[in-house]
Amino acid sequence: MTFYVMTEGRKKAIYACCDVKPFVHNELYYDADVLIIGLVSDDGILRDGSKLEDAPFKHDMFTLEEVEEIRCTYRIKRIVVTHIDEYWGKSYAYYRKLEKALDQIFFAYDGMEIMV
């Protein structure tokens, strides 16, 4: 598991770049302004139409519900999900629409700048 916690003044960002599951508790995660995390499944359907539950890497990925639970438990203000196209093969327009139904969970795009 590789997580980086960056702080400047009262601002805090967490970057969970790889091997993010299981999400191991750390006091440093509380009250972060943003968590940037990859390997999140929106609906469990992979690019080829198969289901995440049948994939050999199913235990390596979070569901949106699990990410929301992490956000609430650690009082993280917002989450940015990265690497959304690697497994899912869905358009960014799809993710923009999905964002509207989520609470402070956003999907990254190439060149995105995140202000903390």
N, C-alpha and C. Protein backbone atom coordinates (compact mmCIF):
# COMPACT_ATOMS: atom_id res chain seq x y z
N MET A 1 0.85 -1.18 0.00
CA MET A 1 0.00 0.00 0.00
C MET A 1 0.89 1.24 0.00
N THR A 2 0.63 2.14 -0.92
CA THR A 2 1.42 3.36 -1.00
C THR A 2 0.49 4.57 -0.94
N PHE A 3 0.57 5.30 0.16
CA PHE A 3 -0.20 6.52 0.34
C PHE A 3 0.78 7.63 0.71
N TYR A 4 0.55 8.80 0.14
CA TYR A 4 1.35 9.97 0.51
C TYR A 4 0.41 10.99 1.13
N VAL A 5 0.81 11.55 2.27
CA VAL A 5 0.04 12.60 2.92
C VAL A 5 0.88 13.87 2.84
N MET A 6 0.32 14.89 2.20
CA MET A 6 1.04 16.15 2.01
C MET A 6 0.28 17.25 2.74
N THR A 7 1.01 18.05 3.48
CA THR A 7 0.38 19.15 4.20
C THR A 7 1.14 20.44 3.94
N GLU A 8 0.38 21.51 3.98
CA GLU A 8 0.96 22.85 3.93
C GLU A 8 0.03 23.74 4.72
N GLY A 9 0.52 24.24 5.83
CA GLY A 9 -0.34 25.02 6.70
C GLY A 9 -1.48 24.13 7.20
N ARG A 10 -2.69 24.58 6.97
CA ARG A 10 -3.87 23.82 7.41
C ARG A 10 -4.45 22.95 6.30
N LYS A 11 -3.82 22.92 5.16
CA LYS A 11 -4.30 22.13 4.02
C LYS A 11 -3.65 20.75 4.02
N LYS A 12 -4.44 19.74 3.62
CA LYS A 12 -3.93 18.37 3.59
C LYS A 12 -4.48 17.64 2.38
N ALA A 13 -3.59 16.95 1.67
CA ALA A 13 -3.97 16.12 0.54
C ALA A 13 -3.39 14.73 0.73
N ILE A 14 -4.15 13.73 0.33
CA ILE A 14 -3.70 12.35 0.39
C ILE A 14 -3.69 11.81 -1.03
N TYR A 15 -2.58 11.20 -1.42
CA TYR A 15 -2.48 10.59 -2.73
C TYR A 15 -2.27 9.10 -2.53
N ALA A 16 -3.28 8.32 -2.89
CA ALA A 16 -3.22 6.86 -2.79
C ALA A 16 -2.98 6.33 -4.19
N CYS A 17 -1.71 6.14 -4.51
CA CYS A 17 -1.35 5.89 -5.91
C CYS A 17 -1.41 4.44 -6.35
N CYS A 18 -1.13 3.51 -5.47
CA CYS A 18 -1.18 2.11 -5.90
C CYS A 18 -1.36 1.20 -4.68
N ASP A 19 -1.80 0.01 -4.96
CA ASP A 19 -2.06 -0.97 -3.89
C ASP A 19 -2.88 -0.34 -2.77
N VAL A 20 -4.02 0.21 -3.14
CA VAL A 20 -4.80 1.01 -2.19
C VAL A 20 -5.73 0.20 -1.30
N LYS A 21 -5.96 -1.04 -1.63
CA LYS A 21 -6.86 -1.85 -0.83
C LYS A 21 -6.09 -3.03 -0.26
N PRO A 22 -6.21 -3.31 1.01
CA PRO A 22 -7.17 -2.70 1.94
C PRO A 22 -6.72 -1.30 2.37
N PHE A 23 -7.68 -0.50 2.73
CA PHE A 23 -7.43 0.86 3.20
C PHE A 23 -7.07 0.75 4.68
N VAL A 24 -5.79 0.84 4.97
CA VAL A 24 -5.31 0.65 6.34
C VAL A 24 -5.43 1.97 7.10
N HIS A 25 -6.02 1.89 8.27
CA HIS A 25 -6.25 3.08 9.09
C HIS A 25 -4.96 3.81 9.41
N ASN A 26 -5.05 5.14 9.36
CA ASN A 26 -3.95 5.99 9.77
C ASN A 26 -4.55 7.31 10.24
N GLU A 27 -4.15 7.76 11.39
CA GLU A 27 -4.67 9.01 11.96
C GLU A 27 -4.41 10.20 11.04
N LEU A 28 -3.38 10.12 10.21
CA LEU A 28 -3.05 11.23 9.31
C LEU A 28 -4.15 11.50 8.28
N TYR A 29 -5.01 10.53 8.03
CA TYR A 29 -6.03 10.67 6.98
C TYR A 29 -7.20 11.56 7.40
N TYR A 30 -7.37 11.77 8.70
CA TYR A 30 -8.53 12.54 9.16
C TYR A 30 -8.48 13.99 8.69
N ASP A 31 -9.65 14.47 8.29
CA ASP A 31 -9.88 15.88 7.95
C ASP A 31 -9.04 16.39 6.78
N ALA A 32 -8.74 15.51 5.83
CA ALA A 32 -8.01 15.93 4.64
C ALA A 32 -8.93 16.74 3.73
N ASP A 33 -8.34 17.64 2.99
CA ASP A 33 -9.10 18.42 2.02
C ASP A 33 -9.44 17.59 0.79
N VAL A 34 -8.53 16.68 0.42
CA VAL A 34 -8.77 15.85 -0.77
C VAL A 34 -8.04 14.52 -0.63
N LEU A 35 -8.68 13.47 -1.12
CA LEU A 35 -8.07 12.16 -1.28
C LEU A 35 -8.09 11.86 -2.77
N ILE A 36 -6.93 11.62 -3.35
CA ILE A 36 -6.82 11.24 -4.76
C ILE A 36 -6.53 9.75 -4.77
N ILE A 37 -7.42 8.98 -5.39
CA ILE A 37 -7.34 7.53 -5.29
C ILE A 37 -7.74 6.88 -6.61
N GLY A 38 -7.11 5.78 -6.93
CA GLY A 38 -7.43 5.03 -8.13
C GLY A 38 -8.06 3.70 -7.79
N LEU A 39 -8.33 2.92 -8.80
CA LEU A 39 -8.90 1.59 -8.65
C LEU A 39 -10.24 1.60 -7.92
N VAL A 40 -11.19 2.33 -8.50
CA VAL A 40 -12.55 2.41 -7.96
C VAL A 40 -13.52 1.98 -9.06
N SER A 41 -14.41 1.09 -8.71
CA SER A 41 -15.42 0.60 -9.65
C SER A 41 -16.71 1.38 -9.49
N ASP A 42 -17.26 1.85 -10.59
CA ASP A 42 -18.53 2.58 -10.49
C ASP A 42 -19.71 1.62 -10.43
N ASP A 43 -19.75 0.63 -11.31
CA ASP A 43 -20.88 -0.29 -11.33
C ASP A 43 -20.47 -1.76 -11.43
N GLY A 44 -19.17 -2.01 -11.43
CA GLY A 44 -18.69 -3.38 -11.45
C GLY A 44 -18.67 -4.05 -12.80
N ILE A 45 -18.93 -3.30 -13.87
CA ILE A 45 -18.90 -3.88 -15.21
C ILE A 45 -17.62 -3.43 -15.91
N LEU A 46 -16.81 -4.38 -16.35
CA LEU A 46 -15.54 -4.08 -16.99
C LEU A 46 -15.73 -3.78 -18.48
N ARG A 47 -14.68 -3.27 -19.09
CA ARG A 47 -14.70 -2.86 -20.49
C ARG A 47 -15.22 -3.96 -21.42
N ASP A 48 -14.85 -5.20 -21.15
CA ASP A 48 -15.27 -6.30 -22.02
C ASP A 48 -16.65 -6.85 -21.69
N GLY A 49 -17.35 -6.21 -20.74
CA GLY A 49 -18.70 -6.63 -20.37
C GLY A 49 -18.73 -7.62 -19.23
N SER A 50 -17.57 -8.12 -18.82
CA SER A 50 -17.54 -9.04 -17.69
C SER A 50 -17.73 -8.25 -16.39
N LYS A 51 -17.96 -8.98 -15.32
CA LYS A 51 -18.22 -8.35 -14.02
C LYS A 51 -16.97 -8.36 -13.15
N LEU A 52 -16.82 -7.29 -12.39
CA LEU A 52 -15.69 -7.19 -11.47
C LEU A 52 -15.66 -8.38 -10.53
N GLU A 53 -16.81 -8.83 -10.08
CA GLU A 53 -16.86 -9.93 -9.12
C GLU A 53 -16.23 -11.21 -9.67
N ASP A 54 -16.11 -11.31 -10.99
CA ASP A 54 -15.48 -12.48 -11.61
C ASP A 54 -14.01 -12.25 -11.97
N ALA A 55 -13.52 -11.04 -11.76
CA ALA A 55 -12.16 -10.69 -12.16
C ALA A 55 -11.15 -11.11 -11.09
N PRO A 56 -9.94 -11.51 -11.49
CA PRO A 56 -8.94 -11.92 -10.51
C PRO A 56 -8.46 -10.78 -9.61
N PHE A 57 -8.67 -9.52 -10.02
CA PHE A 57 -8.23 -8.37 -9.23
C PHE A 57 -9.37 -7.73 -8.44
N LYS A 58 -10.47 -8.43 -8.27
CA LYS A 58 -11.66 -7.86 -7.62
C LYS A 58 -11.39 -7.37 -6.20
N HIS A 59 -10.47 -8.00 -5.51
CA HIS A 59 -10.20 -7.61 -4.12
C HIS A 59 -9.25 -6.41 -4.04
N ASP A 60 -8.76 -5.96 -5.19
CA ASP A 60 -7.86 -4.82 -5.23
C ASP A 60 -8.59 -3.50 -5.48
N MET A 61 -9.88 -3.56 -5.76
CA MET A 61 -10.61 -2.36 -6.17
C MET A 61 -11.70 -2.00 -5.17
N PHE A 62 -11.93 -0.71 -5.02
CA PHE A 62 -13.00 -0.21 -4.18
C PHE A 62 -14.27 -0.03 -5.00
N THR A 63 -15.39 -0.11 -4.34
CA THR A 63 -16.66 0.31 -4.94
C THR A 63 -16.87 1.78 -4.56
N LEU A 64 -17.78 2.42 -5.24
CA LEU A 64 -18.10 3.81 -4.88
C LEU A 64 -18.63 3.89 -3.45
N GLU A 65 -19.37 2.88 -3.03
CA GLU A 65 -19.89 2.87 -1.66
C GLU A 65 -18.76 2.81 -0.64
N GLU A 66 -17.73 2.02 -0.94
CA GLU A 66 -16.59 1.94 -0.01
C GLU A 66 -15.83 3.27 0.04
N VAL A 67 -15.69 3.92 -1.09
CA VAL A 67 -15.00 5.21 -1.13
C VAL A 67 -15.80 6.26 -0.36
N GLU A 68 -17.11 6.23 -0.51
CA GLU A 68 -17.97 7.16 0.25
C GLU A 68 -17.84 6.90 1.75
N GLU A 69 -17.75 5.65 2.14
CA GLU A 69 -17.57 5.32 3.55
C GLU A 69 -16.24 5.85 4.08
N ILE A 70 -15.18 5.72 3.29
CA ILE A 70 -13.88 6.28 3.67
C ILE A 70 -13.98 7.79 3.82
N ARG A 71 -14.65 8.45 2.87
CA ARG A 71 -14.80 9.90 2.92
C ARG A 71 -15.49 10.33 4.20
N CYS A 72 -16.56 9.64 4.54
CA CYS A 72 -17.32 10.00 5.74
C CYS A 72 -16.56 9.65 7.03
N THR A 73 -15.99 8.48 7.09
CA THR A 73 -15.26 8.04 8.29
C THR A 73 -14.12 8.98 8.62
N TYR A 74 -13.36 9.39 7.61
CA TYR A 74 -12.18 10.22 7.83
C TYR A 74 -12.46 11.72 7.64
N ARG A 75 -13.72 12.06 7.41
CA ARG A 75 -14.14 13.46 7.25
C ARG A 75 -13.33 14.15 6.15
N ILE A 76 -13.13 13.44 5.05
CA ILE A 76 -12.39 13.97 3.90
C ILE A 76 -13.35 14.82 3.09
N LYS A 77 -12.93 16.04 2.76
CA LYS A 77 -13.83 16.98 2.10
C LYS A 77 -14.23 16.55 0.70
N ARG A 78 -13.28 16.02 -0.08
CA ARG A 78 -13.62 15.55 -1.43
C ARG A 78 -12.65 14.47 -1.88
N ILE A 79 -13.14 13.68 -2.81
CA ILE A 79 -12.35 12.58 -3.36
C ILE A 79 -12.28 12.75 -4.87
N VAL A 80 -11.09 12.52 -5.41
CA VAL A 80 -10.89 12.52 -6.86
C VAL A 80 -10.43 11.12 -7.24
N VAL A 81 -11.20 10.48 -8.10
CA VAL A 81 -10.89 9.12 -8.55
C VAL A 81 -10.10 9.20 -9.85
N THR A 82 -8.95 8.50 -9.89
CA THR A 82 -8.09 8.50 -11.07
C THR A 82 -8.17 7.17 -11.80
N HIS A 83 -7.55 7.11 -12.98
CA HIS A 83 -7.44 5.88 -13.78
C HIS A 83 -8.82 5.29 -14.08
N ILE A 84 -9.76 6.13 -14.45
CA ILE A 84 -11.13 5.66 -14.65
C ILE A 84 -11.34 4.89 -15.93
N ASP A 85 -10.47 5.03 -16.90
CA ASP A 85 -10.70 4.36 -18.17
C ASP A 85 -9.93 3.06 -18.32
N GLU A 86 -8.99 2.81 -17.46
CA GLU A 86 -8.14 1.63 -17.62
C GLU A 86 -8.92 0.32 -17.65
N TYR A 87 -9.88 0.18 -16.79
CA TYR A 87 -10.65 -1.06 -16.71
C TYR A 87 -12.07 -0.92 -17.26
N TRP A 88 -12.61 0.28 -17.20
CA TRP A 88 -14.05 0.43 -17.43
C TRP A 88 -14.42 0.78 -18.86
N GLY A 89 -13.59 1.54 -19.58
CA GLY A 89 -13.87 1.84 -20.98
C GLY A 89 -15.09 2.71 -21.18
N LYS A 90 -15.39 3.58 -20.24
CA LYS A 90 -16.55 4.47 -20.33
C LYS A 90 -16.07 5.89 -20.63
N SER A 91 -16.94 6.67 -21.21
CA SER A 91 -16.58 8.04 -21.59
C SER A 91 -16.52 8.95 -20.37
N TYR A 92 -15.80 10.06 -20.55
CA TYR A 92 -15.75 11.04 -19.46
C TYR A 92 -17.12 11.68 -19.26
N ALA A 93 -17.90 11.80 -20.32
CA ALA A 93 -19.27 12.33 -20.20
C ALA A 93 -20.08 11.45 -19.26
N TYR A 94 -19.88 10.16 -19.33
CA TYR A 94 -20.56 9.23 -18.42
C TYR A 94 -20.20 9.56 -16.97
N TYR A 95 -18.90 9.78 -16.71
CA TYR A 95 -18.46 10.07 -15.35
C TYR A 95 -18.93 11.44 -14.87
N ARG A 96 -18.97 12.42 -15.74
CA ARG A 96 -19.47 13.75 -15.37
C ARG A 96 -20.93 13.66 -14.92
N LYS A 97 -21.71 12.87 -15.63
CA LYS A 97 -23.11 12.67 -15.25
C LYS A 97 -23.20 11.94 -13.90
N LEU A 98 -22.37 10.93 -13.72
CA LEU A 98 -22.36 10.18 -12.46
C LEU A 98 -21.99 11.06 -11.28
N GLU A 99 -21.05 11.98 -11.47
CA GLU A 99 -20.63 12.90 -10.40
C GLU A 99 -21.81 13.63 -9.78
N LYS A 100 -22.79 13.96 -10.59
CA LYS A 100 -23.95 14.73 -10.10
C LYS A 100 -24.75 13.97 -9.06
N ALA A 101 -24.65 12.63 -9.08
CA ALA A 101 -25.39 11.81 -8.13
C ALA A 101 -24.56 11.48 -6.89
N LEU A 102 -23.31 11.90 -6.88
CA LEU A 102 -22.40 11.58 -5.78
C LEU A 102 -22.14 12.79 -4.90
N ASP A 103 -21.73 12.53 -3.68
CA ASP A 103 -21.45 13.59 -2.72
C ASP A 103 -19.94 13.80 -2.60
N GLN A 104 -19.44 14.83 -3.26
CA GLN A 104 -18.03 15.22 -3.17
C GLN A 104 -17.07 14.14 -3.67
N ILE A 105 -17.51 13.35 -4.65
CA ILE A 105 -16.64 12.40 -5.34
C ILE A 105 -16.60 12.82 -6.79
N PHE A 106 -15.37 13.03 -7.29
CA PHE A 106 -15.17 13.53 -8.65
C PHE A 106 -14.24 12.58 -9.40
N PHE A 107 -14.26 12.67 -10.72
CA PHE A 107 -13.44 11.81 -11.55
C PHE A 107 -12.40 12.65 -12.29
N ALA A 108 -11.16 12.20 -12.24
CA ALA A 108 -10.04 12.93 -12.82
C ALA A 108 -10.03 12.82 -14.34
N TYR A 109 -9.32 13.75 -14.96
CA TYR A 109 -9.08 13.73 -16.39
C TYR A 109 -7.64 14.17 -16.64
N ASP A 110 -7.11 13.84 -17.79
CA ASP A 110 -5.74 14.21 -18.11
C ASP A 110 -5.56 15.72 -18.03
N GLY A 111 -4.52 16.17 -17.33
CA GLY A 111 -4.23 17.58 -17.20
C GLY A 111 -4.99 18.27 -16.08
N MET A 112 -5.77 17.53 -15.34
CA MET A 112 -6.56 18.12 -14.25
C MET A 112 -5.64 18.73 -13.20
N GLU A 113 -5.99 19.91 -12.72
CA GLU A 113 -5.30 20.55 -11.60
C GLU A 113 -6.26 20.57 -10.43
N ILE A 114 -5.77 20.19 -9.28
CA ILE A 114 -6.60 20.12 -8.08
C ILE A 114 -6.13 21.18 -7.11
N MET A 115 -7.00 22.09 -6.79
CA MET A 115 -6.69 23.15 -5.83
C MET A 115 -7.09 22.65 -4.42
N VAL A 116 -6.17 22.81 -3.49
CA VAL A 116 -6.45 22.39 -2.12
C VAL A 116 -6.60 23.62 -1.26
